[in-house]
Amino acid sequence: MAEASSSTIKKKYLTLKSSDGDEFVLEESIAIQSVTIKNMVEDGCSSSVIPLSKIDTGTLIKVIEYMKMHSSTSSNEEEIQNFDKEFVRISIKTILNILEAANFLDIRSLLELCAEAVANRIKNKTPEVVRKIFNITSDFTPEEEAEIRNETPWAFEGDLDHSLD
C-alpha cells in the first residue's frame, strides 16, 4: 500500500527568540511571511535559533498569532477579516509595539493593519490628544501655539475625547 505523499513531506521548523530570551518554535512556512526571516533562511543563517532582540515576548506572541492565522489554509477571507478586526482591539501601546515589530520583520500586511489601526485611533483627535497618545511634548511656546491656532484653526478641530484606547 502506497503511503500518501503529504505524510512524506517533512515540515521544517524555526526557533524564534524574543528579547526576553523566550523561544518559540514555528513552522518555517509560517515564519517566512516575514521577509527578514525568509532572507535569513535563504542565506542559510537560520540553522539554529533566530534572535529577535528588538521584539519582546508579548509582542512576538501577537506577531506569531497573526502569522498563524494569515498562513492557515483552512481560514477563509471572512475569518481573516474578523480576526484582523479583533486583533487590533488592543491598547494603542500594544499596537505600536506590533507595528514596530512588523516593520523590523518586514511583514507588510501586519504593518499596514497596525498603521491603519493607529490612524483610526487618532482620526478626528485634537493635537493635544494625539500628543498624549504618543507621549509627545510640545516644543512650541504658548505664543507660537496661539499663532498657529489662529493661522490654521481647522487643524485644531476634532474630538476632545482624551481616552488612549
Protein backbone atom coordinates (compact mmCIF):
# COMPACT_ATOMS: atom_id res chain seq x y z
CA MET A 1 0.00 0.00 0.00
CA ALA A 2 1.48 3.36 -1.05
CA GLU A 3 1.90 5.98 1.60
CA ALA A 4 0.26 9.38 1.00
CA SER A 5 2.72 11.93 -0.34
CA SER A 6 1.70 14.51 2.29
CA SER A 7 2.98 12.25 5.06
CA THR A 8 6.40 12.04 3.42
CA ILE A 9 6.81 15.80 3.32
CA LYS A 10 8.89 16.76 6.31
CA LYS A 11 7.97 20.08 7.87
CA LYS A 12 10.81 22.41 8.75
CA TYR A 13 10.75 24.39 11.96
CA LEU A 14 12.48 27.55 13.10
CA THR A 15 13.05 28.79 16.63
CA LEU A 16 12.44 32.48 17.22
CA LYS A 17 13.95 34.02 20.34
CA SER A 18 12.47 37.17 21.86
CA SER A 19 14.48 39.94 23.51
CA ASP A 20 13.33 38.46 26.85
CA GLY A 21 15.00 35.15 25.99
CA ASP A 22 11.80 33.18 25.37
CA GLU A 23 11.91 30.78 22.43
CA PHE A 24 9.06 29.87 20.10
CA VAL A 25 9.17 27.00 17.62
CA LEU A 26 7.29 27.80 14.44
CA GLU A 27 6.85 26.09 11.10
CA GLU A 28 9.18 27.64 8.56
CA SER A 29 6.28 28.03 6.12
CA ILE A 30 4.56 30.32 8.65
CA ALA A 31 7.67 32.22 9.75
CA ILE A 32 8.73 33.16 6.22
CA GLN A 33 5.81 35.57 5.96
CA SER A 34 8.47 37.81 7.44
CA VAL A 35 10.78 38.94 4.64
CA THR A 36 13.54 39.36 7.23
CA ILE A 37 13.24 35.73 8.37
CA LYS A 38 12.77 34.49 4.79
CA ASN A 39 16.04 36.20 3.80
CA MET A 40 17.81 34.62 6.78
CA VAL A 41 16.53 31.17 5.74
CA GLU A 42 17.56 31.69 2.12
CA ASP A 43 21.01 32.92 3.19
CA GLY A 44 21.48 29.90 5.47
CA CYS A 45 21.54 31.98 8.66
CA SER A 46 18.66 30.18 10.37
CA SER A 47 20.24 26.84 11.27
CA SER A 48 19.54 27.27 14.97
CA VAL A 49 17.81 29.98 16.95
CA ILE A 50 16.87 33.27 15.29
CA PRO A 51 17.39 36.05 17.84
CA LEU A 52 14.87 38.87 17.60
CA SER A 53 16.50 41.31 20.01
CA LYS A 54 14.11 44.14 19.13
CA ILE A 55 10.91 42.20 19.94
CA ASP A 56 9.71 41.40 23.46
CA THR A 57 7.88 38.17 24.29
CA GLY A 58 4.37 39.65 24.46
CA THR A 59 4.75 41.33 21.09
CA LEU A 60 6.28 38.23 19.49
CA ILE A 61 3.34 36.13 20.72
CA LYS A 62 0.93 38.53 18.98
CA VAL A 63 3.01 38.54 15.78
CA ILE A 64 3.08 34.73 15.73
CA GLU A 65 -0.69 34.62 16.34
CA TYR A 66 -1.15 36.91 13.34
CA MET A 67 1.19 34.89 11.10
CA LYS A 68 -0.52 31.61 12.02
CA MET A 69 -3.95 32.95 11.14
CA HIS A 70 -2.76 34.50 7.90
CA SER A 71 -0.97 31.34 6.78
CA SER A 72 -3.73 28.91 7.63
CA THR A 73 -5.14 27.24 4.57
CA SER A 74 -8.33 26.48 6.45
CA SER A 75 -9.08 30.16 7.08
CA ASN A 76 -11.30 31.90 4.59
CA GLU A 77 -11.27 35.60 3.78
CA GLU A 78 -14.16 36.38 6.12
CA GLU A 79 -12.46 34.60 9.04
CA ILE A 80 -9.27 36.54 8.42
CA GLN A 81 -11.13 39.87 8.22
CA ASN A 82 -12.92 39.12 11.52
CA PHE A 83 -9.63 38.07 13.10
CA ASP A 84 -7.96 41.30 11.94
CA LYS A 85 -10.77 43.44 13.41
CA GLU A 86 -10.43 41.72 16.78
CA PHE A 87 -6.63 41.62 16.60
CA VAL A 88 -6.34 45.43 16.70
CA ARG A 89 -8.84 45.86 19.56
CA ILE A 90 -5.97 46.24 21.97
CA SER A 91 -4.19 49.14 23.62
CA ILE A 92 -2.51 51.70 21.43
CA LYS A 93 0.80 50.88 23.14
CA THR A 94 0.50 47.22 22.10
CA ILE A 95 -0.44 48.19 18.55
CA LEU A 96 2.62 50.45 18.36
CA ASN A 97 4.85 47.62 19.62
CA ILE A 98 3.42 45.25 16.99
CA LEU A 99 3.80 47.95 14.34
CA GLU A 100 7.47 48.32 15.21
CA ALA A 101 7.95 44.52 15.14
CA ALA A 102 6.15 44.23 11.80
CA ASN A 103 8.45 46.88 10.38
CA PHE A 104 11.56 45.12 11.73
CA LEU A 105 10.38 41.71 10.49
CA ASP A 106 9.12 43.18 7.21
CA ILE A 107 5.60 41.75 7.37
CA ARG A 108 3.82 44.20 5.11
CA SER A 109 0.23 43.08 5.75
CA LEU A 110 0.69 43.31 9.53
CA LEU A 111 2.41 46.67 9.20
CA GLU A 112 -0.50 48.00 7.13
CA LEU A 113 -3.10 46.59 9.54
CA CYS A 114 -1.46 48.25 12.55
CA ALA A 115 -0.81 51.53 10.73
CA GLU A 116 -4.48 51.69 9.76
CA ALA A 117 -5.50 50.92 13.35
CA VAL A 118 -3.29 53.75 14.65
CA ALA A 119 -4.65 56.14 12.00
CA ASN A 120 -8.21 55.24 13.00
CA ARG A 121 -7.37 55.86 16.67
CA ILE A 122 -6.06 59.37 16.04
CA LYS A 123 -8.57 60.36 13.36
CA ASN A 124 -10.53 63.46 14.41
CA LYS A 125 -8.48 63.90 17.57
CA THR A 126 -7.13 67.25 18.65
CA PRO A 127 -3.38 67.82 18.61
CA GLU A 128 -3.41 67.68 22.42
CA VAL A 129 -4.99 64.22 22.40
CA VAL A 130 -2.57 62.99 19.71
CA ARG A 131 0.35 64.31 21.76
CA LYS A 132 -0.96 62.45 24.79
CA ILE A 133 -1.43 59.21 22.83
CA PHE A 134 2.13 59.31 21.51
CA ASN A 135 3.61 60.88 24.65
CA ILE A 136 4.86 63.92 22.71
CA THR A 137 5.83 67.12 24.46
CA SER A 138 5.02 70.25 22.50
CA ASP A 139 8.11 72.25 21.67
CA PHE A 140 6.07 75.38 20.88
CA THR A 141 5.88 78.28 23.27
CA PRO A 142 2.32 79.26 24.25
CA GLU A 143 2.65 82.30 21.98
CA GLU A 144 3.76 80.19 18.99
CA GLU A 145 0.95 77.71 19.55
CA ALA A 146 -1.62 80.54 19.76
CA GLU A 147 -0.32 81.94 16.46
CA ILE A 148 -0.57 78.53 14.79
CA ARG A 149 -4.10 78.07 16.15
CA ASN A 150 -5.10 81.41 14.63
CA GLU A 151 -3.49 80.62 11.26
CA THR A 152 -4.86 77.07 10.97
CA PRO A 153 -7.97 76.69 13.13
CA TRP A 154 -9.10 73.64 11.12
CA ALA A 155 -6.10 71.69 12.44
CA PHE A 156 -7.34 72.05 15.99
CA GLU A 157 -10.89 70.87 15.40
CA GLY A 158 -11.66 67.38 16.48
CA ASP A 159 -12.67 65.01 19.17
CA LEU A 160 -11.81 66.18 22.65
CA ASP A 161 -12.01 62.64 23.97
CA HIS A 162 -8.84 62.07 25.96
CA SER A 163 -9.04 58.28 26.03
CA LEU A 164 -5.97 56.47 24.79
CA ASP A 165 -7.71 53.31 23.67
